[in-house]
């Protein structure tokens, strides 16, 4: 599955990833065809249809968009482990 941000650069990932999560849950529920409508930053409406797609691919796309939203908003998504908090192994 191609990345939606590559195909549509004017998409706001913070608005799209919740809709993809809804599509993921509908697909898990057993719906065979799932359509998702969302608005772009330019004011256009886009529609994506997921036919017979593995739900894991929809989830992976939603996670990529969620990470892009976190980067865009400046939220820290990765944390380093410091040495003083590592447990000692005996």
PDB file of N, CA and C in Angstrom:
ATOM      1  N   UNK A   1       0.845  -1.159   0.000  1.00  0.00           N
ATOM      2  CA  UNK A   1       0.000   0.000   0.000  1.00  0.00           C
ATOM      3  C   UNK A   1       0.901   1.236   0.000  1.00  0.00           C
ATOM      4  N   UNK A   2       0.663   2.133  -0.920  1.00  0.00           N
ATOM      5  CA  UNK A   2       1.445   3.350  -0.998  1.00  0.00           C
ATOM      6  C   UNK A   2       1.082   4.275   0.161  1.00  0.00           C
ATOM      7  N   UNK A   3       2.009   5.117   0.517  1.00  0.00           N
ATOM      8  CA  UNK A   3       1.777   6.050   1.600  1.00  0.00           C
ATOM      9  C   UNK A   3       0.851   7.164   1.118  1.00  0.00           C
ATOM     10  N   UNK A   4      -0.182   7.459   1.885  1.00  0.00           N
ATOM     11  CA  UNK A   4      -1.141   8.495   1.490  1.00  0.00           C
ATOM     12  C   UNK A   4      -0.490   9.860   1.409  1.00  0.00           C
ATOM     13  N   UNK A   5       0.513  10.109   2.248  1.00  0.00           N
ATOM     14  CA  UNK A   5       1.170  11.418   2.217  1.00  0.00           C
ATOM     15  C   UNK A   5       1.983  11.606   0.946  1.00  0.00           C
ATOM     16  N   UNK A   6       2.481  10.511   0.356  1.00  0.00           N
ATOM     17  CA  UNK A   6       3.197  10.618  -0.912  1.00  0.00           C
ATOM     18  C   UNK A   6       2.240  10.940  -2.052  1.00  0.00           C
ATOM     19  N   UNK A   7       1.069  10.306  -2.027  1.00  0.00           N
ATOM     20  CA  UNK A   7       0.097  10.517  -3.104  1.00  0.00           C
ATOM     21  C   UNK A   7      -0.633  11.849  -2.982  1.00  0.00           C
ATOM     22  N   UNK A   8      -0.864  12.298  -1.747  1.00  0.00           N
ATOM     23  CA  UNK A   8      -1.607  13.529  -1.496  1.00  0.00           C
ATOM     24  C   UNK A   8      -0.822  14.387  -0.499  1.00  0.00           C
ATOM     25  N   UNK A   9       0.074  15.233  -0.991  1.00  0.00           N
ATOM     26  CA  UNK A   9       0.919  15.999  -0.067  1.00  0.00           C
ATOM     27  C   UNK A   9       0.166  17.064   0.730  1.00  0.00           C
ATOM     28  N   UNK A  10      -1.054  17.418   0.325  1.00  0.00           N
ATOM     29  CA  UNK A  10      -1.795  18.453   1.052  1.00  0.00           C
ATOM     30  C   UNK A  10      -2.657  17.886   2.176  1.00  0.00           C
ATOM     31  N   UNK A  11      -2.499  16.597   2.503  1.00  0.00           N
ATOM     32  CA  UNK A  11      -3.262  15.992   3.586  1.00  0.00           C
ATOM     33  C   UNK A  11      -2.669  16.373   4.943  1.00  0.00           C
ATOM     34  N   UNK A  12      -3.543  16.551   5.894  1.00  0.00           N
ATOM     35  CA  UNK A  12      -3.116  16.763   7.265  1.00  0.00           C
ATOM     36  C   UNK A  12      -3.169  15.410   7.970  1.00  0.00           C
ATOM     37  N   UNK A  13      -2.023  14.836   8.334  1.00  0.00           N
ATOM     38  CA  UNK A  13      -2.042  13.503   8.935  1.00  0.00           C
ATOM     39  C   UNK A  13      -2.797  13.452  10.254  1.00  0.00           C
ATOM     40  N   UNK A  14      -2.885  14.586  10.946  1.00  0.00           N
ATOM     41  CA  UNK A  14      -3.604  14.608  12.223  1.00  0.00           C
ATOM     42  C   UNK A  14      -5.107  14.451  12.037  1.00  0.00           C
ATOM     43  N   UNK A  15      -5.615  14.788  10.864  1.00  0.00           N
ATOM     44  CA  UNK A  15      -7.036  14.623  10.580  1.00  0.00           C
ATOM     45  C   UNK A  15      -7.359  13.277   9.954  1.00  0.00           C
ATOM     46  N   UNK A  16      -6.381  12.655   9.306  1.00  0.00           N
ATOM     47  CA  UNK A  16      -6.639  11.449   8.539  1.00  0.00           C
ATOM     48  C   UNK A  16      -6.485  10.182   9.370  1.00  0.00           C
ATOM     49  N   UNK A  17      -5.490  10.117  10.256  1.00  0.00           N
ATOM     50  CA  UNK A  17      -5.230   8.847  10.936  1.00  0.00           C
ATOM     51  C   UNK A  17      -6.381   8.372  11.823  1.00  0.00           C
ATOM     52  N   UNK A  18      -7.166   9.250  12.472  1.00  0.00           N
ATOM     53  CA  UNK A  18      -8.311   8.708  13.218  1.00  0.00           C
ATOM     54  C   UNK A  18      -9.361   8.043  12.316  1.00  0.00           C
ATOM     55  N   UNK A  19      -9.555   8.600  11.115  1.00  0.00           N
ATOM     56  CA  UNK A  19     -10.498   7.998  10.178  1.00  0.00           C
ATOM     57  C   UNK A  19      -9.993   6.639   9.689  1.00  0.00           C
ATOM     58  N   UNK A  20      -8.682   6.515   9.514  1.00  0.00           N
ATOM     59  CA  UNK A  20      -8.138   5.224   9.114  1.00  0.00           C
ATOM     60  C   UNK A  20      -8.282   4.190  10.226  1.00  0.00           C
ATOM     61  N   UNK A  21      -8.179   4.626  11.462  1.00  0.00           N
ATOM     62  CA  UNK A  21      -8.377   3.693  12.571  1.00  0.00           C
ATOM     63  C   UNK A  21      -9.829   3.201  12.598  1.00  0.00           C
ATOM     64  N   UNK A  22     -10.774   4.098  12.292  1.00  0.00           N
ATOM     65  CA  UNK A  22     -12.176   3.678  12.201  1.00  0.00           C
ATOM     66  C   UNK A  22     -12.353   2.648  11.088  1.00  0.00           C
ATOM     67  N   UNK A  23     -11.677   2.880   9.948  1.00  0.00           N
ATOM     68  CA  UNK A  23     -11.753   1.927   8.836  1.00  0.00           C
ATOM     69  C   UNK A  23     -11.132   0.594   9.232  1.00  0.00           C
ATOM     70  N   UNK A  24     -10.063   0.645   9.991  1.00  0.00           N
ATOM     71  CA  UNK A  24      -9.410  -0.581  10.459  1.00  0.00           C
ATOM     72  C   UNK A  24     -10.361  -1.398  11.328  1.00  0.00           C
ATOM     73  N   UNK A  25     -11.035  -0.735  12.252  1.00  0.00           N
ATOM     74  CA  UNK A  25     -11.960  -1.446  13.134  1.00  0.00           C
ATOM     75  C   UNK A  25     -13.182  -1.973  12.380  1.00  0.00           C
ATOM     76  N   UNK A  26     -13.657  -1.212  11.383  1.00  0.00           N
ATOM     77  CA  UNK A  26     -14.767  -1.710  10.575  1.00  0.00           C
ATOM     78  C   UNK A  26     -14.347  -2.933   9.773  1.00  0.00           C
ATOM     79  N   UNK A  27     -13.103  -2.908   9.289  1.00  0.00           N
ATOM     80  CA  UNK A  27     -12.583  -4.046   8.509  1.00  0.00           C
ATOM     81  C   UNK A  27     -12.427  -5.272   9.405  1.00  0.00           C
ATOM     82  N   UNK A  28     -11.984  -5.066  10.650  1.00  0.00           N
ATOM     83  CA  UNK A  28     -11.877  -6.178  11.592  1.00  0.00           C
ATOM     84  C   UNK A  28     -13.242  -6.749  11.940  1.00  0.00           C
ATOM     85  N   UNK A  29     -14.242  -5.866  11.958  1.00  0.00           N
ATOM     86  CA  UNK A  29     -15.602  -6.299  12.276  1.00  0.00           C
ATOM     87  C   UNK A  29     -16.168  -7.205  11.190  1.00  0.00           C
ATOM     88  N   UNK A  30     -15.637  -7.090   9.988  1.00  0.00           N
ATOM     89  CA  UNK A  30     -16.081  -7.967   8.918  1.00  0.00           C
ATOM     90  C   UNK A  30     -16.625  -7.252   7.699  1.00  0.00           C
ATOM     91  N   UNK A  31     -16.638  -5.931   7.700  1.00  0.00           N
ATOM     92  CA  UNK A  31     -17.092  -5.209   6.512  1.00  0.00           C
ATOM     93  C   UNK A  31     -16.132  -5.491   5.361  1.00  0.00           C
ATOM     94  N   UNK A  32     -16.689  -5.843   4.198  1.00  0.00           N
ATOM     95  CA  UNK A  32     -15.827  -6.207   3.072  1.00  0.00           C
ATOM     96  C   UNK A  32     -15.300  -4.984   2.335  1.00  0.00           C
ATOM     97  N   UNK A  33     -16.100  -3.948   2.226  1.00  0.00           N
ATOM     98  CA  UNK A  33     -15.650  -2.719   1.572  1.00  0.00           C
ATOM     99  C   UNK A  33     -15.805  -1.568   2.545  1.00  0.00           C
ATOM    100  N   UNK A  34     -14.739  -0.822   2.715  1.00  0.00           N
ATOM    101  CA  UNK A  34     -14.737   0.296   3.653  1.00  0.00           C
ATOM    102  C   UNK A  34     -14.315   1.545   2.889  1.00  0.00           C
ATOM    103  N   UNK A  35     -15.134   2.590   2.995  1.00  0.00           N
ATOM    104  CA  UNK A  35     -14.808   3.879   2.371  1.00  0.00           C
ATOM    105  C   UNK A  35     -14.528   4.901   3.454  1.00  0.00           C
ATOM    106  N   UNK A  36     -13.497   5.702   3.223  1.00  0.00           N
ATOM    107  CA  UNK A  36     -13.109   6.741   4.175  1.00  0.00           C
ATOM    108  C   UNK A  36     -13.095   8.067   3.436  1.00  0.00           C
ATOM    109  N   UNK A  37     -13.825   9.040   3.965  1.00  0.00           N
ATOM    110  CA  UNK A  37     -13.822  10.396   3.401  1.00  0.00           C
ATOM    111  C   UNK A  37     -13.133  11.321   4.385  1.00  0.00           C
ATOM    112  N   UNK A  38     -12.279  12.192   3.852  1.00  0.00           N
ATOM    113  CA  UNK A  38     -11.607  13.172   4.695  1.00  0.00           C
ATOM    114  C   UNK A  38     -11.329  14.414   3.885  1.00  0.00           C
ATOM    115  N   UNK A  39     -11.119  15.516   4.578  1.00  0.00           N
ATOM    116  CA  UNK A  39     -10.866  16.803   3.926  1.00  0.00           C
ATOM    117  C   UNK A  39      -9.373  17.093   3.913  1.00  0.00           C
ATOM    118  N   UNK A  40      -8.938  17.755   2.852  1.00  0.00           N
ATOM    119  CA  UNK A  40      -7.539  18.155   2.758  1.00  0.00           C
ATOM    120  C   UNK A  40      -7.394  19.570   3.274  1.00  0.00           C
ATOM    121  N   UNK A  41      -6.145  20.014   3.388  1.00  0.00           N
ATOM    122  CA  UNK A  41      -5.888  21.369   3.866  1.00  0.00           C
ATOM    123  C   UNK A  41      -6.377  22.407   2.861  1.00  0.00           C
ATOM    124  N   UNK A  42      -6.439  22.033   1.587  1.00  0.00           N
ATOM    125  CA  UNK A  42      -6.885  22.963   0.551  1.00  0.00           C
ATOM    126  C   UNK A  42      -8.396  23.058   0.476  1.00  0.00           C
ATOM    127  N   UNK A  43      -9.108  22.260   1.276  1.00  0.00           N
ATOM    128  CA  UNK A  43     -10.559  22.318   1.287  1.00  0.00           C
ATOM    129  C   UNK A  43     -11.234  21.300   0.400  1.00  0.00           C
ATOM    130  N   UNK A  44     -10.457  20.442  -0.253  1.00  0.00           N
ATOM    131  CA  UNK A  44     -11.023  19.400  -1.103  1.00  0.00           C
ATOM    132  C   UNK A  44     -11.406  18.199  -0.245  1.00  0.00           C
ATOM    133  N   UNK A  45     -12.299  17.393  -0.766  1.00  0.00           N
ATOM    134  CA  UNK A  45     -12.686  16.160  -0.090  1.00  0.00           C
ATOM    135  C   UNK A  45     -12.110  14.988  -0.857  1.00  0.00           C
ATOM    136  N   UNK A  46     -11.414  14.120  -0.165  1.00  0.00           N
ATOM    137  CA  UNK A  46     -10.833  12.923  -0.763  1.00  0.00           C
ATOM    138  C   UNK A  46     -11.576  11.706  -0.222  1.00  0.00           C
ATOM    139  N   UNK A  47     -11.645  10.674  -1.030  1.00  0.00           N
ATOM    140  CA  UNK A  47     -12.294   9.438  -0.619  1.00  0.00           C
ATOM    141  C   UNK A  47     -11.387   8.268  -0.989  1.00  0.00           C
ATOM    142  N   UNK A  48     -11.162   7.386  -0.023  1.00  0.00           N
ATOM    143  CA  UNK A  48     -10.346   6.198  -0.238  1.00  0.00           C
ATOM    144  C   UNK A  48     -11.218   4.992   0.053  1.00  0.00           C
ATOM    145  N   UNK A  49     -11.156   4.012  -0.834  1.00  0.00           N
ATOM    146  CA  UNK A  49     -11.933   2.795  -0.638  1.00  0.00           C
ATOM    147  C   UNK A  49     -10.975   1.623  -0.428  1.00  0.00           C
ATOM    148  N   UNK A  50     -11.205   0.906   0.651  1.00  0.00           N
ATOM    149  CA  UNK A  50     -10.434  -0.292   0.938  1.00  0.00           C
ATOM    150  C   UNK A  50     -11.328  -1.482   0.657  1.00  0.00           C
ATOM    151  N   UNK A  51     -10.991  -2.224  -0.374  1.00  0.00           N
ATOM    152  CA  UNK A  51     -11.776  -3.393  -0.725  1.00  0.00           C
ATOM    153  C   UNK A  51     -11.327  -4.586   0.087  1.00  0.00           C
ATOM    154  N   UNK A  52     -10.723  -5.545  -0.582  1.00  0.00           N
ATOM    155  CA  UNK A  52     -10.256  -6.753   0.083  1.00  0.00           C
ATOM    156  C   UNK A  52      -8.794  -6.544   0.483  1.00  0.00           C
ATOM    157  N   UNK A  53      -8.592  -5.734   1.515  1.00  0.00           N
ATOM    158  CA  UNK A  53      -7.251  -5.390   1.988  1.00  0.00           C
ATOM    159  C   UNK A  53      -7.048  -6.001   3.359  1.00  0.00           C
ATOM    160  N   UNK A  54      -5.840  -6.461   3.594  1.00  0.00           N
ATOM    161  CA  UNK A  54      -5.478  -6.976   4.901  1.00  0.00           C
ATOM    162  C   UNK A  54      -5.592  -5.842   5.926  1.00  0.00           C
ATOM    163  N   UNK A  55      -6.306  -6.040   7.029  1.00  0.00           N
ATOM    164  CA  UNK A  55      -6.447  -4.970   8.029  1.00  0.00           C
ATOM    165  C   UNK A  55      -5.119  -4.498   8.610  1.00  0.00           C
ATOM    166  N   UNK A  56      -4.112  -5.374   8.603  1.00  0.00           N
ATOM    167  CA  UNK A  56      -2.807  -4.971   9.124  1.00  0.00           C
ATOM    168  C   UNK A  56      -2.175  -3.872   8.279  1.00  0.00           C
ATOM    169  N   UNK A  57      -2.466  -3.870   6.986  1.00  0.00           N
ATOM    170  CA  UNK A  57      -1.937  -2.812   6.114  1.00  0.00           C
ATOM    171  C   UNK A  57      -2.604  -1.472   6.423  1.00  0.00           C
ATOM    172  N   UNK A  58      -3.895  -1.511   6.721  1.00  0.00           N
ATOM    173  CA  UNK A  58      -4.584  -0.272   7.106  1.00  0.00           C
ATOM    174  C   UNK A  58      -4.022   0.242   8.428  1.00  0.00           C
ATOM    175  N   UNK A  59      -3.781  -0.670   9.363  1.00  0.00           N
ATOM    176  CA  UNK A  59      -3.218  -0.286  10.653  1.00  0.00           C
ATOM    177  C   UNK A  59      -1.818   0.298  10.494  1.00  0.00           C
ATOM    178  N   UNK A  60      -0.999  -0.295   9.630  1.00  0.00           N
ATOM    179  CA  UNK A  60       0.349   0.221   9.402  1.00  0.00           C
ATOM    180  C   UNK A  60       0.298   1.626   8.812  1.00  0.00           C
ATOM    181  N   UNK A  61      -0.622   1.853   7.877  1.00  0.00           N
ATOM    182  CA  UNK A  61      -0.774   3.187   7.285  1.00  0.00           C
ATOM    183  C   UNK A  61      -1.218   4.190   8.340  1.00  0.00           C
ATOM    184  N   UNK A  62      -2.155   3.792   9.203  1.00  0.00           N
ATOM    185  CA  UNK A  62      -2.626   4.686  10.261  1.00  0.00           C
ATOM    186  C   UNK A  62      -1.505   5.011  11.243  1.00  0.00           C
ATOM    187  N   UNK A  63      -0.663   4.031  11.555  1.00  0.00           N
ATOM    188  CA  UNK A  63       0.458   4.278  12.466  1.00  0.00           C
ATOM    189  C   UNK A  63       1.484   5.221  11.845  1.00  0.00           C
ATOM    190  N   UNK A  64       1.731   5.094  10.538  1.00  0.00           N
ATOM    191  CA  UNK A  64       2.641   6.030   9.866  1.00  0.00           C
ATOM    192  C   UNK A  64       2.088   7.448   9.907  1.00  0.00           C
ATOM    193  N   UNK A  65       0.785   7.591   9.682  1.00  0.00           N
ATOM    194  CA  UNK A  65       0.175   8.917   9.723  1.00  0.00           C
ATOM    195  C   UNK A  65       0.165   9.477  11.143  1.00  0.00           C
ATOM    196  N   UNK A  66      -0.022   8.621  12.132  1.00  0.00           N
ATOM    197  CA  UNK A  66       0.011   9.065  13.524  1.00  0.00           C
ATOM    198  C   UNK A  66       1.404   9.573  13.892  1.00  0.00           C
ATOM    199  N   UNK A  67       2.437   8.866  13.436  1.00  0.00           N
ATOM    200  CA  UNK A  67       3.811   9.308  13.692  1.00  0.00           C
ATOM    201  C   UNK A  67       4.104  10.627  12.968  1.00  0.00           C
ATOM    202  N   UNK A  68       3.586  10.767  11.742  1.00  0.00           N
ATOM    203  CA  UNK A  68       3.773  12.022  11.008  1.00  0.00           C
ATOM    204  C   UNK A  68       3.069  13.164  11.713  1.00  0.00           C
ATOM    205  N   UNK A  69       1.910  12.892  12.298  1.00  0.00           N
ATOM    206  CA  UNK A  69       1.186  13.915  13.055  1.00  0.00           C
ATOM    207  C   UNK A  69       1.983  14.326  14.285  1.00  0.00           C
ATOM    208  N   UNK A  70       2.578  13.344  14.967  1.00  0.00           N
ATOM    209  CA  UNK A  70       3.378  13.647  16.156  1.00  0.00           C
ATOM    210  C   UNK A  70       4.603  14.473  15.787  1.00  0.00           C
ATOM    211  N   UNK A  71       5.253  14.143  14.666  1.00  0.00           N
ATOM    212  CA  UNK A  71       6.405  14.936  14.222  1.00  0.00           C
ATOM    213  C   UNK A  71       5.984  16.352  13.861  1.00  0.00           C
ATOM    214  N   UNK A  72       4.836  16.468  13.203  1.00  0.00           N
ATOM    215  CA  UNK A  72       4.349  17.778  12.777  1.00  0.00           C
ATOM    216  C   UNK A  72       4.023  18.666  13.976  1.00  0.00           C
ATOM    217  N   UNK A  73       3.449  18.073  15.014  1.00  0.00           N
ATOM    218  CA  UNK A  73       3.068  18.856  16.186  1.00  0.00           C
ATOM    219  C   UNK A  73       4.219  19.058  17.162  1.00  0.00           C
ATOM    220  N   UNK A  74       5.358  18.422  16.893  1.00  0.00           N
ATOM    221  CA  UNK A  74       6.514  18.598  17.756  1.00  0.00           C
ATOM    222  C   UNK A  74       6.515  17.697  18.976  1.00  0.00           C
ATOM    223  N   UNK A  75       5.609  16.735  19.002  1.00  0.00           N
ATOM    224  CA  UNK A  75       5.542  15.818  20.130  1.00  0.00           C
ATOM    225  C   UNK A  75       6.696  14.824  20.049  1.00  0.00           C
ATOM    226  N   UNK A  76       7.279  14.538  21.172  1.00  0.00           N
ATOM    227  CA  UNK A  76       8.406  13.619  21.224  1.00  0.00           C
ATOM    228  C   UNK A  76       7.876  12.187  21.208  1.00  0.00           C
ATOM    229  N   UNK A  77       8.344  11.385  20.241  1.00  0.00           N
ATOM    230  CA  UNK A  77       7.806  10.040  20.108  1.00  0.00           C
ATOM    231  C   UNK A  77       8.820   8.968  20.473  1.00  0.00           C
ATOM    232  N   UNK A  78      10.076   9.326  20.608  1.00  0.00           N
ATOM    233  CA  UNK A  78      11.093   8.346  20.984  1.00  0.00           C
ATOM    234  C   UNK A  78      11.850   8.875  22.187  1.00  0.00           C
ATOM    235  N   UNK A  79      12.145   7.992  23.098  1.00  0.00           N
ATOM    236  CA  UNK A  79      12.859   8.363  24.314  1.00  0.00           C
ATOM    237  C   UNK A  79      14.078   7.467  24.471  1.00  0.00           C
ATOM    238  N   UNK A  80      15.154   8.036  24.965  1.00  0.00           N
ATOM    239  CA  UNK A  80      16.380   7.279  25.176  1.00  0.00           C
ATOM    240  C   UNK A  80      16.395   6.708  26.587  1.00  0.00           C
ATOM    241  N   UNK A  81      17.006   5.562  26.729  1.00  0.00           N
ATOM    242  CA  UNK A  81      17.167   4.948  28.042  1.00  0.00           C
ATOM    243  C   UNK A  81      18.497   5.412  28.609  1.00  0.00           C
ATOM    244  N   UNK A  82      18.450   5.920  29.803  1.00  0.00           N
ATOM    245  CA  UNK A  82      19.697   6.336  30.436  1.00  0.00           C
ATOM    246  C   UNK A  82      20.271   5.180  31.229  1.00  0.00           C
ATOM    247  N   UNK A  83      21.572   5.228  31.488  1.00  0.00           N
ATOM    248  CA  UNK A  83      22.261   4.135  32.146  1.00  0.00           C
ATOM    249  C   UNK A  83      21.860   3.924  33.588  1.00  0.00           C
ATOM    250  N   UNK A  84      21.437   4.944  34.270  1.00  0.00           N
ATOM    251  CA  UNK A  84      21.148   4.779  35.688  1.00  0.00           C
ATOM    252  C   UNK A  84      19.844   4.028  35.955  1.00  0.00           C
ATOM    253  N   UNK A  85      19.003   3.868  34.953  1.00  0.00           N
ATOM    254  CA  UNK A  85      17.744   3.175  35.145  1.00  0.00           C
ATOM    255  C   UNK A  85      17.792   1.718  34.679  1.00  0.00           C
ATOM    256  N   UNK A  86      18.919   1.253  34.214  1.00  0.00           N
ATOM    257  CA  UNK A  86      19.006  -0.129  33.768  1.00  0.00           C
ATOM    258  C   UNK A  86      19.142  -1.052  34.973  1.00  0.00           C
ATOM    259  N   UNK A  87      18.377  -2.121  34.994  1.00  0.00           N
ATOM    260  CA  UNK A  87      18.492  -3.063  36.120  1.00  0.00           C
ATOM    261  C   UNK A  87      19.799  -3.848  36.029  1.00  0.00           C
ATOM    262  N   UNK A  88      20.318  -4.183  37.171  1.00  0.00           N
ATOM    263  CA  UNK A  88      21.560  -4.961  37.211  1.00  0.00           C
ATOM    264  C   UNK A  88      21.222  -6.417  36.950  1.00  0.00           C
ATOM    265  N   UNK A  89      22.032  -7.063  36.167  1.00  0.00           N
ATOM    266  CA  UNK A  89      21.834  -8.491  35.938  1.00  0.00           C
ATOM    267  C   UNK A  89      22.869  -9.259  36.773  1.00  0.00           C
ATOM    268  N   UNK A  90      22.432 -10.224  37.513  1.00  0.00           N
ATOM    269  CA  UNK A  90      23.310 -10.986  38.391  1.00  0.00           C
ATOM    270  C   UNK A  90      23.642 -12.316  37.805  1.00  0.00           C
TER     271      UNK A  90
END
